[in-house]
Full PDB file with SEQRES, HELIX, SHEET, SSBOND, CRYST1, ORIGX, SCALE, CONECT and MASTER records, all heavy atoms in Angstrom:
SEQRES   1 A   41  LYS PRO VAL ARG ALA PHE SER LYS GLY MET THR GLN LYS          
SEQRES   2 A   41  LEU GLY LEU ALA ALA CYS LEU LEU SER ARG LYS ALA LEU          
SEQRES   3 A   41  TYR VAL LEU ASP GLU PRO THR SER GLY LEU ASP PRO LYS          
SEQRES   4 A   41  ALA ARG                                                      
HELIX    1 AA1 VAL A    3  ALA A    5  5                                   3    
HELIX    2 AA2 LYS A    8  LEU A   20  1                                  13    
CRYST1    1.000    1.000    1.000  90.00  90.00  90.00 P 1           1          
ORIGX1      1.000000  0.000000  0.000000        0.00000                         
ORIGX2      0.000000  1.000000  0.000000        0.00000                         
ORIGX3      0.000000  0.000000  1.000000        0.00000                         
SCALE1      1.000000  0.000000  0.000000        0.00000                         
SCALE2      0.000000  1.000000  0.000000        0.00000                         
SCALE3      0.000000  0.000000  1.000000        0.00000                         
ATOM      1  N   LYS A   1     149.857  64.074  68.789  1.00  0.00           N  
ATOM      2  CA  LYS A   1     151.374  64.216  69.172  1.00  0.00           C  
ATOM      3  C   LYS A   1     152.099  62.827  68.631  1.00  0.00           C  
ATOM      4  O   LYS A   1     151.625  61.761  68.596  1.00  0.00           O  
ATOM      5  CB  LYS A   1     151.495  64.258  70.705  1.00  0.00           C  
ATOM      6  CG  LYS A   1     151.052  65.511  71.295  1.00  0.00           C  
ATOM      7  CD  LYS A   1     151.286  65.493  72.878  1.00  0.00           C  
ATOM      8  CE  LYS A   1     150.909  66.835  73.453  1.00  0.00           C  
ATOM      9  NZ  LYS A   1     151.072  66.836  74.931  1.00  0.00           N  
ATOM     10  N   PRO A   2     153.368  63.021  68.263  1.00  0.00           N  
ATOM     11  CA  PRO A   2     154.202  61.773  68.037  1.00  0.00           C  
ATOM     12  C   PRO A   2     154.498  61.048  69.214  1.00  0.00           C  
ATOM     13  O   PRO A   2     154.653  61.604  70.293  1.00  0.00           O  
ATOM     14  CB  PRO A   2     155.533  62.384  67.364  1.00  0.00           C  
ATOM     15  CG  PRO A   2     155.549  63.819  67.955  1.00  0.00           C  
ATOM     16  CD  PRO A   2     154.111  64.330  68.088  1.00  0.00           C  
ATOM     17  N   VAL A   3     154.561  59.737  69.077  1.00  0.00           N  
ATOM     18  CA  VAL A   3     154.820  58.935  70.272  1.00  0.00           C  
ATOM     19  C   VAL A   3     156.160  59.217  70.978  1.00  0.00           C  
ATOM     20  O   VAL A   3     156.184  59.097  72.182  1.00  0.00           O  
ATOM     21  CB  VAL A   3     154.756  57.379  69.785  1.00  0.00           C  
ATOM     22  CG1 VAL A   3     155.214  56.475  70.932  1.00  0.00           C  
ATOM     23  CG2 VAL A   3     153.313  57.038  69.352  1.00  0.00           C  
ATOM     24  N   ARG A   4     157.083  59.698  70.264  1.00  0.00           N  
ATOM     25  CA  ARG A   4     158.331  60.054  70.900  1.00  0.00           C  
ATOM     26  C   ARG A   4     158.237  61.160  71.973  1.00  0.00           C  
ATOM     27  O   ARG A   4     159.036  61.332  72.835  1.00  0.00           O  
ATOM     28  CB  ARG A   4     159.373  60.491  69.791  1.00  0.00           C  
ATOM     29  CG  ARG A   4     159.095  61.809  69.101  1.00  0.00           C  
ATOM     30  CD  ARG A   4     160.167  62.167  68.114  1.00  0.00           C  
ATOM     31  NE  ARG A   4     159.780  63.332  67.247  1.00  0.00           N  
ATOM     32  CZ  ARG A   4     159.299  63.197  66.039  1.00  0.00           C  
ATOM     33  NH1 ARG A   4     159.125  61.803  65.596  1.00  0.00           N  
ATOM     34  NH2 ARG A   4     158.981  64.144  65.278  1.00  0.00           N  
ATOM     35  N   ALA A   5     157.148  61.849  71.894  1.00  0.00           N  
ATOM     36  CA  ALA A   5     156.937  62.896  72.884  1.00  0.00           C  
ATOM     37  C   ALA A   5     156.029  62.410  74.134  1.00  0.00           C  
ATOM     38  O   ALA A   5     155.871  63.164  75.006  1.00  0.00           O  
ATOM     39  CB  ALA A   5     156.178  64.048  72.262  1.00  0.00           C  
ATOM     40  N   PHE A   6     155.778  61.116  74.117  1.00  0.00           N  
ATOM     41  CA  PHE A   6     154.942  60.565  75.200  1.00  0.00           C  
ATOM     42  C   PHE A   6     155.770  60.223  76.348  1.00  0.00           C  
ATOM     43  O   PHE A   6     156.913  59.800  76.291  1.00  0.00           O  
ATOM     44  CB  PHE A   6     154.218  59.350  74.691  1.00  0.00           C  
ATOM     45  CG  PHE A   6     153.029  59.467  73.869  1.00  0.00           C  
ATOM     46  CD1 PHE A   6     152.853  60.679  73.098  1.00  0.00           C  
ATOM     47  CD2 PHE A   6     152.109  58.503  73.750  1.00  0.00           C  
ATOM     48  CE1 PHE A   6     151.818  60.793  72.309  1.00  0.00           C  
ATOM     49  CE2 PHE A   6     151.013  58.648  72.948  1.00  0.00           C  
ATOM     50  CZ  PHE A   6     150.765  59.864  72.205  1.00  0.00           C  
ATOM     51  N   SER A   7     155.205  60.378  77.582  1.00  0.00           N  
ATOM     52  CA  SER A   7     155.805  59.773  78.788  1.00  0.00           C  
ATOM     53  C   SER A   7     155.520  58.252  78.759  1.00  0.00           C  
ATOM     54  O   SER A   7     154.767  57.819  77.971  1.00  0.00           O  
ATOM     55  CB  SER A   7     155.165  60.454  80.020  1.00  0.00           C  
ATOM     56  OG  SER A   7     153.856  60.059  80.127  1.00  0.00           O  
ATOM     57  N   LYS A   8     156.172  57.589  79.789  1.00  0.00           N  
ATOM     58  CA  LYS A   8     155.875  56.198  79.823  1.00  0.00           C  
ATOM     59  C   LYS A   8     154.456  55.806  80.107  1.00  0.00           C  
ATOM     60  O   LYS A   8     153.852  54.935  79.510  1.00  0.00           O  
ATOM     61  CB  LYS A   8     156.857  55.505  81.030  1.00  0.00           C  
ATOM     62  CG  LYS A   8     156.525  53.948  81.156  1.00  0.00           C  
ATOM     63  CD  LYS A   8     157.486  53.444  82.198  1.00  0.00           C  
ATOM     64  CE  LYS A   8     157.183  51.983  82.564  1.00  0.00           C  
ATOM     65  NZ  LYS A   8     157.017  51.120  81.422  1.00  0.00           N  
ATOM     66  N   GLY A   9     153.851  56.665  80.989  1.00  0.00           N  
ATOM     67  CA  GLY A   9     152.423  56.413  81.310  1.00  0.00           C  
ATOM     68  C   GLY A   9     151.576  56.628  80.177  1.00  0.00           C  
ATOM     69  O   GLY A   9     150.610  55.882  79.840  1.00  0.00           O  
ATOM     70  N   MET A  10     151.831  57.715  79.340  1.00  0.00           N  
ATOM     71  CA  MET A  10     150.987  57.992  78.135  1.00  0.00           C  
ATOM     72  C   MET A  10     151.192  56.773  77.100  1.00  0.00           C  
ATOM     73  O   MET A  10     150.287  56.390  76.529  1.00  0.00           O  
ATOM     74  CB  MET A  10     151.511  59.316  77.535  1.00  0.00           C  
ATOM     75  CG  MET A  10     151.110  60.581  78.308  1.00  0.00           C  
ATOM     76  SD  MET A  10     151.931  62.009  77.566  1.00  0.00           S  
ATOM     77  CE  MET A  10     151.006  62.159  76.019  1.00  0.00           C  
ATOM     78  N   THR A  11     152.464  56.337  77.007  1.00  0.00           N  
ATOM     79  CA  THR A  11     152.604  55.258  76.051  1.00  0.00           C  
ATOM     80  C   THR A  11     151.839  53.951  76.396  1.00  0.00           C  
ATOM     81  O   THR A  11     151.272  53.363  75.669  1.00  0.00           O  
ATOM     82  CB  THR A  11     154.140  54.913  76.044  1.00  0.00           C  
ATOM     83  OG1 THR A  11     154.924  56.017  75.631  1.00  0.00           O  
ATOM     84  CG2 THR A  11     154.468  53.836  75.041  1.00  0.00           C  
ATOM     85  N   GLN A  12     151.946  53.706  77.750  1.00  0.00           N  
ATOM     86  CA  GLN A  12     151.049  52.589  78.357  1.00  0.00           C  
ATOM     87  C   GLN A  12     149.708  52.587  77.991  1.00  0.00           C  
ATOM     88  O   GLN A  12     148.959  51.730  77.569  1.00  0.00           O  
ATOM     89  CB  GLN A  12     151.361  52.367  79.781  1.00  0.00           C  
ATOM     90  CG  GLN A  12     150.725  51.111  80.347  1.00  0.00           C  
ATOM     91  CD  GLN A  12     151.508  49.858  79.989  1.00  0.00           C  
ATOM     92  OE1 GLN A  12     152.472  49.963  79.229  1.00  0.00           O  
ATOM     93  NE2 GLN A  12     151.094  48.703  80.482  1.00  0.00           N  
ATOM     94  N   LYS A  13     149.087  53.940  78.198  1.00  0.00           N  
ATOM     95  CA  LYS A  13     147.626  54.132  78.004  1.00  0.00           C  
ATOM     96  C   LYS A  13     147.347  53.940  76.515  1.00  0.00           C  
ATOM     97  O   LYS A  13     146.328  53.445  76.134  1.00  0.00           O  
ATOM     98  CB  LYS A  13     147.307  55.479  78.486  1.00  0.00           C  
ATOM     99  CG  LYS A  13     147.374  55.746  79.947  1.00  0.00           C  
ATOM    100  CD  LYS A  13     147.201  57.217  80.299  1.00  0.00           C  
ATOM    101  CE  LYS A  13     147.501  57.421  81.769  1.00  0.00           C  
ATOM    102  NZ  LYS A  13     147.409  58.885  82.135  1.00  0.00           N  
ATOM    103  N   LEU A  14     148.241  54.399  75.643  1.00  0.00           N  
ATOM    104  CA  LEU A  14     148.026  54.315  74.220  1.00  0.00           C  
ATOM    105  C   LEU A  14     147.977  52.713  73.883  1.00  0.00           C  
ATOM    106  O   LEU A  14     147.069  52.364  73.014  1.00  0.00           O  
ATOM    107  CB  LEU A  14     149.144  54.961  73.448  1.00  0.00           C  
ATOM    108  CG  LEU A  14     149.020  54.945  71.861  1.00  0.00           C  
ATOM    109  CD1 LEU A  14     147.768  55.856  71.419  1.00  0.00           C  
ATOM    110  CD2 LEU A  14     150.266  55.445  71.208  1.00  0.00           C  
ATOM    111  N   GLY A  15     148.839  51.982  74.355  1.00  0.00           N  
ATOM    112  CA  GLY A  15     148.792  50.578  74.096  1.00  0.00           C  
ATOM    113  C   GLY A  15     147.562  49.771  74.524  1.00  0.00           C  
ATOM    114  O   GLY A  15     146.948  48.987  73.980  1.00  0.00           O  
ATOM    115  N   LEU A  16     147.083  50.282  75.721  1.00  0.00           N  
ATOM    116  CA  LEU A  16     145.872  49.759  76.331  1.00  0.00           C  
ATOM    117  C   LEU A  16     144.673  50.204  75.449  1.00  0.00           C  
ATOM    118  O   LEU A  16     143.736  49.352  75.227  1.00  0.00           O  
ATOM    119  CB  LEU A  16     145.623  50.288  77.755  1.00  0.00           C  
ATOM    120  CG  LEU A  16     146.601  49.609  78.827  1.00  0.00           C  
ATOM    121  CD1 LEU A  16     146.631  50.495  80.081  1.00  0.00           C  
ATOM    122  CD2 LEU A  16     146.179  48.203  79.097  1.00  0.00           C  
ATOM    123  N   ALA A  17     144.632  51.421  75.009  1.00  0.00           N  
ATOM    124  CA  ALA A  17     143.510  51.877  74.217  1.00  0.00           C  
ATOM    125  C   ALA A  17     143.477  51.092  72.890  1.00  0.00           C  
ATOM    126  O   ALA A  17     142.390  50.649  72.456  1.00  0.00           O  
ATOM    127  CB  ALA A  17     143.752  53.426  73.882  1.00  0.00           C  
ATOM    128  N   ALA A  18     144.597  50.854  72.314  1.00  0.00           N  
ATOM    129  CA  ALA A  18     144.658  50.108  71.064  1.00  0.00           C  
ATOM    130  C   ALA A  18     144.072  48.613  71.245  1.00  0.00           C  
ATOM    131  O   ALA A  18     143.328  48.133  70.412  1.00  0.00           O  
ATOM    132  CB  ALA A  18     146.145  49.966  70.501  1.00  0.00           C  
ATOM    133  N   CYS A  19     144.409  48.089  72.404  1.00  0.00           N  
ATOM    134  CA  CYS A  19     143.909  46.702  72.695  1.00  0.00           C  
ATOM    135  C   CYS A  19     142.472  46.780  72.889  1.00  0.00           C  
ATOM    136  O   CYS A  19     141.697  45.954  72.358  1.00  0.00           O  
ATOM    137  CB  CYS A  19     144.588  46.173  73.975  1.00  0.00           C  
ATOM    138  SG  CYS A  19     146.165  45.414  73.738  1.00  0.00           S  
ATOM    139  N   LEU A  20     141.916  47.619  73.747  1.00  0.00           N  
ATOM    140  CA  LEU A  20     140.530  47.630  74.040  1.00  0.00           C  
ATOM    141  C   LEU A  20     139.605  48.089  72.944  1.00  0.00           C  
ATOM    142  O   LEU A  20     138.536  47.737  72.911  1.00  0.00           O  
ATOM    143  CB  LEU A  20     140.367  48.500  75.387  1.00  0.00           C  
ATOM    144  CG  LEU A  20     141.075  48.070  76.623  1.00  0.00           C  
ATOM    145  CD1 LEU A  20     140.914  49.044  77.789  1.00  0.00           C  
ATOM    146  CD2 LEU A  20     140.742  46.624  76.964  1.00  0.00           C  
ATOM    147  N   LEU A  21     140.175  49.019  72.067  1.00  0.00           N  
ATOM    148  CA  LEU A  21     139.330  49.404  70.982  1.00  0.00           C  
ATOM    149  C   LEU A  21     139.195  48.302  69.934  1.00  0.00           C  
ATOM    150  O   LEU A  21     138.327  48.342  69.121  1.00  0.00           O  
ATOM    151  CB  LEU A  21     139.969  50.615  70.249  1.00  0.00           C  
ATOM    152  CG  LEU A  21     139.847  51.993  70.993  1.00  0.00           C  
ATOM    153  CD1 LEU A  21     140.747  53.006  70.259  1.00  0.00           C  
ATOM    154  CD2 LEU A  21     138.363  52.452  70.947  1.00  0.00           C  
ATOM    155  N   SER A  22     139.958  47.302  70.007  1.00  0.00           N  
ATOM    156  CA  SER A  22     139.926  46.104  69.068  1.00  0.00           C  
ATOM    157  C   SER A  22     138.603  45.262  69.390  1.00  0.00           C  
ATOM    158  O   SER A  22     138.170  44.507  68.423  1.00  0.00           O  
ATOM    159  CB  SER A  22     141.082  45.217  69.178  1.00  0.00           C  
ATOM    160  OG  SER A  22     141.095  44.503  70.433  1.00  0.00           O  
ATOM    161  N   ARG A  23     138.053  45.401  70.538  1.00  0.00           N  
ATOM    162  CA  ARG A  23     136.824  44.664  70.928  1.00  0.00           C  
ATOM    163  C   ARG A  23     137.017  43.113  70.722  1.00  0.00           C  
ATOM    164  O   ARG A  23     136.049  42.470  70.229  1.00  0.00           O  
ATOM    165  CB  ARG A  23     135.612  45.180  70.147  1.00  0.00           C  
ATOM    166  CG  ARG A  23     135.363  46.685  70.335  1.00  0.00           C  
ATOM    167  CD  ARG A  23     135.146  47.054  71.753  1.00  0.00           C  
ATOM    168  NE  ARG A  23     134.837  48.454  71.990  1.00  0.00           N  
ATOM    169  CZ  ARG A  23     134.922  49.044  73.184  1.00  0.00           C  
ATOM    170  NH1 ARG A  23     135.288  48.393  74.221  1.00  0.00           N  
ATOM    171  NH2 ARG A  23     134.594  50.275  73.324  1.00  0.00           N  
ATOM    172  N   LYS A  24     138.057  42.632  71.128  1.00  0.00           N  
ATOM    173  CA  LYS A  24     138.273  41.250  70.969  1.00  0.00           C  
ATOM    174  C   LYS A  24     137.671  40.397  72.119  1.00  0.00           C  
ATOM    175  O   LYS A  24     137.312  40.994  73.199  1.00  0.00           O  
ATOM    176  CB  LYS A  24     139.844  40.845  70.953  1.00  0.00           C  
ATOM    177  CG  LYS A  24     140.482  41.476  69.809  1.00  0.00           C  
ATOM    178  CD  LYS A  24     140.057  40.945  68.388  1.00  0.00           C  
ATOM    179  CE  LYS A  24     140.876  41.492  67.308  1.00  0.00           C  
ATOM    180  NZ  LYS A  24     140.424  40.880  65.936  1.00  0.00           N  
ATOM    181  N   ALA A  25     137.513  39.104  71.963  1.00  0.00           N  
ATOM    182  CA  ALA A  25     136.965  38.232  72.979  1.00  0.00           C  
ATOM    183  C   ALA A  25     137.900  38.097  74.139  1.00  0.00           C  
ATOM    184  O   ALA A  25     137.485  37.773  75.275  1.00  0.00           O  
ATOM    185  CB  ALA A  25     136.483  36.968  72.441  1.00  0.00           C  
ATOM    186  N   LEU A  26     139.145  38.227  73.857  1.00  0.00           N  
ATOM    187  CA  LEU A  26     140.218  37.882  74.864  1.00  0.00           C  
ATOM    188  C   LEU A  26     141.285  38.857  74.806  1.00  0.00           C  
ATOM    189  O   LEU A  26     141.781  39.239  73.831  1.00  0.00           O  
ATOM    190  CB  LEU A  26     140.800  36.485  74.576  1.00  0.00           C  
ATOM    191  CG  LEU A  26     142.064  36.104  75.357  1.00  0.00           C  
ATOM    192  CD1 LEU A  26     141.794  35.990  76.815  1.00  0.00           C  
ATOM    193  CD2 LEU A  26     142.533  34.759  74.724  1.00  0.00           C  
ATOM    194  N   TYR A  27     141.625  39.498  76.004  1.00  0.00           N  
ATOM    195  CA  TYR A  27     142.764  40.336  76.121  1.00  0.00           C  
ATOM    196  C   TYR A  27     143.854  39.714  76.898  1.00  0.00           C  
ATOM    197  O   TYR A  27     143.616  39.171  78.053  1.00  0.00           O  
ATOM    198  CB  TYR A  27     142.353  41.661  76.817  1.00  0.00           C  
ATOM    199  CG  TYR A  27     141.280  42.491  76.182  1.00  0.00           C  
ATOM    200  CD1 TYR A  27     140.051  42.916  76.795  1.00  0.00           C  
ATOM    201  CD2 TYR A  27     141.432  42.735  74.744  1.00  0.00           C  
ATOM    202  CE1 TYR A  27     139.068  43.641  76.173  1.00  0.00           C  
ATOM    203  CE2 TYR A  27     140.424  43.445  74.067  1.00  0.00           C  
ATOM    204  CZ  TYR A  27     139.285  43.962  74.859  1.00  0.00           C  
ATOM    205  OH  TYR A  27     138.354  44.652  74.126  1.00  0.00           O  
ATOM    206  N   VAL A  28     145.048  39.703  76.379  1.00  0.00           N  
ATOM    207  CA  VAL A  28     146.279  39.153  77.102  1.00  0.00           C  
ATOM    208  C   VAL A  28     147.178  40.301  77.334  1.00  0.00           C  
ATOM    209  O   VAL A  28     147.683  40.979  76.555  1.00  0.00           O  
ATOM    210  CB  VAL A  28     146.994  38.115  76.282  1.00  0.00           C  
ATOM    211  CG1 VAL A  28     148.239  37.605  76.954  1.00  0.00           C  
ATOM    212  CG2 VAL A  28     146.043  36.979  75.889  1.00  0.00           C  
ATOM    213  N   LEU A  29     147.233  40.634  78.697  1.00  0.00           N  
ATOM    214  CA  LEU A  29     147.857  41.913  79.133  1.00  0.00           C  
ATOM    215  C   LEU A  29     148.965  41.555  80.164  1.00  0.00           C  
ATOM    216  O   LEU A  29     148.773  41.123  81.204  1.00  0.00           O  
ATOM    217  CB  LEU A  29     146.844  42.852  79.839  1.00  0.00           C  
ATOM    218  CG  LEU A  29     145.501  43.113  79.061  1.00  0.00           C  
ATOM    219  CD1 LEU A  29     144.533  43.966  79.918  1.00  0.00           C  
ATOM    220  CD2 LEU A  29     145.753  43.805  77.733  1.00  0.00           C  
ATOM    221  N   ASP A  30     150.182  41.898  79.750  1.00  0.00           N  
ATOM    222  CA  ASP A  30     151.429  41.562  80.468  1.00  0.00           C  
ATOM    223  C   ASP A  30     151.797  42.924  81.293  1.00  0.00           C  
ATOM    224  O   ASP A  30     152.216  43.824  80.672  1.00  0.00           O  
ATOM    225  CB  ASP A  30     152.548  41.184  79.536  1.00  0.00           C  
ATOM    226  CG  ASP A  30     153.680  40.473  80.362  1.00  0.00           C  
ATOM    227  OD1 ASP A  30     153.681  40.386  81.521  1.00  0.00           O  
ATOM    228  OD2 ASP A  30     154.652  40.124  79.659  1.00  0.00           O  
ATOM    229  N   GLU A  31     151.482  42.814  82.681  1.00  0.00           N  
ATOM    230  CA  GLU A  31     151.713  43.983  83.497  1.00  0.00           C  
ATOM    231  C   GLU A  31     151.069  45.189  82.891  1.00  0.00           C  
ATOM    232  O   GLU A  31     151.647  46.284  82.635  1.00  0.00           O  
ATOM    233  CB  GLU A  31     153.265  44.219  83.685  1.00  0.00           C  
ATOM    234  CG  GLU A  31     154.027  43.110  84.273  1.00  0.00           C  
ATOM    235  CD  GLU A  31     153.683  42.964  85.851  1.00  0.00           C  
ATOM    236  OE1 GLU A  31     153.086  43.963  86.403  1.00  0.00           O  
ATOM    237  OE2 GLU A  31     153.948  41.904  86.391  1.00  0.00           O  
ATOM    238  N   PRO A  32     149.711  45.180  82.829  1.00  0.00           N  
ATOM    239  CA  PRO A  32     148.981  46.321  82.215  1.00  0.00           C  
ATOM    240  C   PRO A  32     149.018  47.639  82.980  1.00  0.00           C  
ATOM    241  O   PRO A  32     148.844  48.651  82.424  1.00  0.00           O  
ATOM    242  CB  PRO A  32     147.563  45.871  82.118  1.00  0.00           C  
ATOM    243  CG  PRO A  32     147.423  44.823  83.233  1.00  0.00           C  
ATOM    244  CD  PRO A  32     148.759  44.152  83.194  1.00  0.00           C  
ATOM    245  N   THR A  33     149.371  47.655  84.352  1.00  0.00           N  
ATOM    246  CA  THR A  33     149.405  48.844  85.119  1.00  0.00           C  
ATOM    247  C   THR A  33     150.801  49.538  85.093  1.00  0.00           C  
ATOM    248  O   THR A  33     150.975  50.488  85.837  1.00  0.00           O  
ATOM    249  CB  THR A  33     148.787  48.555  86.537  1.00  0.00           C  
ATOM    250  OG1 THR A  33     149.676  47.642  87.155  1.00  0.00           O  
ATOM    251  CG2 THR A  33     147.376  48.122  86.471  1.00  0.00           C  
ATOM    252  N   SER A  34     151.670  48.822  84.450  1.00  0.00           N  
ATOM    253  CA  SER A  34     153.086  49.371  84.466  1.00  0.00           C  
ATOM    254  C   SER A  34     153.175  50.815  84.028  1.00  0.00           C  
ATOM    255  O   SER A  34     152.596  51.199  82.988  1.00  0.00           O  
ATOM    256  CB  SER A  34     153.956  48.516  83.524  1.00  0.00           C  
ATOM    257  OG  SER A  34     155.250  49.055  83.526  1.00  0.00           O  
ATOM    258  N   GLY A  35     153.738  51.666  84.846  1.00  0.00           N  
ATOM    259  CA  GLY A  35     153.949  52.984  84.453  1.00  0.00           C  
ATOM    260  C   GLY A  35     152.772  54.033  84.739  1.00  0.00           C  
ATOM    261  O   GLY A  35     152.849  55.200  84.453  1.00  0.00           O  
ATOM    262  N   LEU A  36     151.684  53.485  85.212  1.00  0.00           N  
ATOM    263  CA  LEU A  36     150.470  54.225  85.399  1.00  0.00           C  
ATOM    264  C   LEU A  36     150.373  54.810  86.815  1.00  0.00           C  
ATOM    265  O   LEU A  36     150.826  54.208  87.816  1.00  0.00           O  
ATOM    266  CB  LEU A  36     149.191  53.317  85.290  1.00  0.00           C  
ATOM    267  CG  LEU A  36     148.936  52.728  83.928  1.00  0.00           C  
ATOM    268  CD1 LEU A  36     147.637  51.984  83.836  1.00  0.00           C  
ATOM    269  CD2 LEU A  36     149.007  53.752  82.713  1.00  0.00           C  
ATOM    270  N   ASP A  37     149.969  56.037  86.928  1.00  0.00           N  
ATOM    271  CA  ASP A  37     149.854  56.764  88.258  1.00  0.00           C  
ATOM    272  C   ASP A  37     148.580  56.201  88.900  1.00  0.00           C  
ATOM    273  O   ASP A  37     147.706  55.498  88.292  1.00  0.00           O  
ATOM    274  CB  ASP A  37     149.748  58.296  88.035  1.00  0.00           C  
ATOM    275  CG  ASP A  37     148.688  58.723  87.220  1.00  0.00           C  
ATOM    276  OD1 ASP A  37     147.551  58.171  87.260  1.00  0.00           O  
ATOM    277  OD2 ASP A  37     148.882  59.719  86.481  1.00  0.00           O  
ATOM    278  N   PRO A  38     148.363  56.536  90.214  1.00  0.00           N  
ATOM    279  CA  PRO A  38     147.180  55.980  90.886  1.00  0.00           C  
ATOM    280  C   PRO A  38     145.802  56.250  90.218  1.00  0.00           C  
ATOM    281  O   PRO A  38     145.009  55.389  90.245  1.00  0.00           O  
ATOM    282  CB  PRO A  38     147.342  56.664  92.239  1.00  0.00           C  
ATOM    283  CG  PRO A  38     148.736  56.841  92.484  1.00  0.00           C  
ATOM    284  CD  PRO A  38     149.350  57.303  91.105  1.00  0.00           C  
ATOM    285  N   LYS A  39     145.651  57.473  89.688  1.00  0.00           N  
ATOM    286  CA  LYS A  39     144.357  57.658  89.083  1.00  0.00           C  
ATOM    287  C   LYS A  39     144.193  56.841  87.855  1.00  0.00           C  
ATOM    288  O   LYS A  39     143.098  56.229  87.713  1.00  0.00           O  
ATOM    289  CB  LYS A  39     144.304  59.205  88.604  1.00  0.00           C  
ATOM    290  CG  LYS A  39     143.035  59.582  87.891  1.00  0.00           C  
ATOM    291  CD  LYS A  39     143.071  60.974  87.422  1.00  0.00           C  
ATOM    292  CE  LYS A  39     141.811  61.379  86.678  1.00  0.00           C  
ATOM    293  NZ  LYS A  39     141.793  62.754  86.087  1.00  0.00           N  
ATOM    294  N   ALA A  40     145.197  56.695  86.981  1.00  0.00           N  
ATOM    295  CA  ALA A  40     145.104  55.959  85.768  1.00  0.00           C  
ATOM    296  C   ALA A  40     144.874  54.408  86.140  1.00  0.00           C  
ATOM    297  O   ALA A  40     144.163  53.793  85.391  1.00  0.00           O  
ATOM    298  CB  ALA A  40     146.383  56.115  84.950  1.00  0.00           C  
ATOM    299  N   ARG A  41     145.583  53.983  87.171  1.00  0.00           N  
ATOM    300  CA  ARG A  41     145.360  52.561  87.625  1.00  0.00           C  
ATOM    301  C   ARG A  41     143.915  52.332  87.981  1.00  0.00           C  
ATOM    302  O   ARG A  41     143.289  51.319  87.609  1.00  0.00           O  
ATOM    303  CB  ARG A  41     146.226  52.202  88.770  1.00  0.00           C  
ATOM    304  CG  ARG A  41     147.766  52.171  88.465  1.00  0.00           C  
ATOM    305  CD  ARG A  41     148.632  52.110  89.645  1.00  0.00           C  
ATOM    306  NE  ARG A  41     148.464  50.891  90.432  1.00  0.00           N  
ATOM    307  CZ  ARG A  41     149.311  49.858  90.350  1.00  0.00           C  
ATOM    308  NH1 ARG A  41     150.410  50.027  89.601  1.00  0.00           N  
ATOM    309  NH2 ARG A  41     149.141  48.821  91.077  1.00  0.00           N  
TER     310      ARG A  41                                                      
MASTER        0    0    0    2    0    0    0    6  309    1    0    4          
END                                                                             
């Protein structure tokens, strides 16, 4: 799906996935649970 069709929660999850798939030694996450529902949190 194009990102323009994403909800806020879907967009946040996509950003988190991009970070975590990078497998870096350090993650800097500014309000990472923003827009997430209780299950996703």
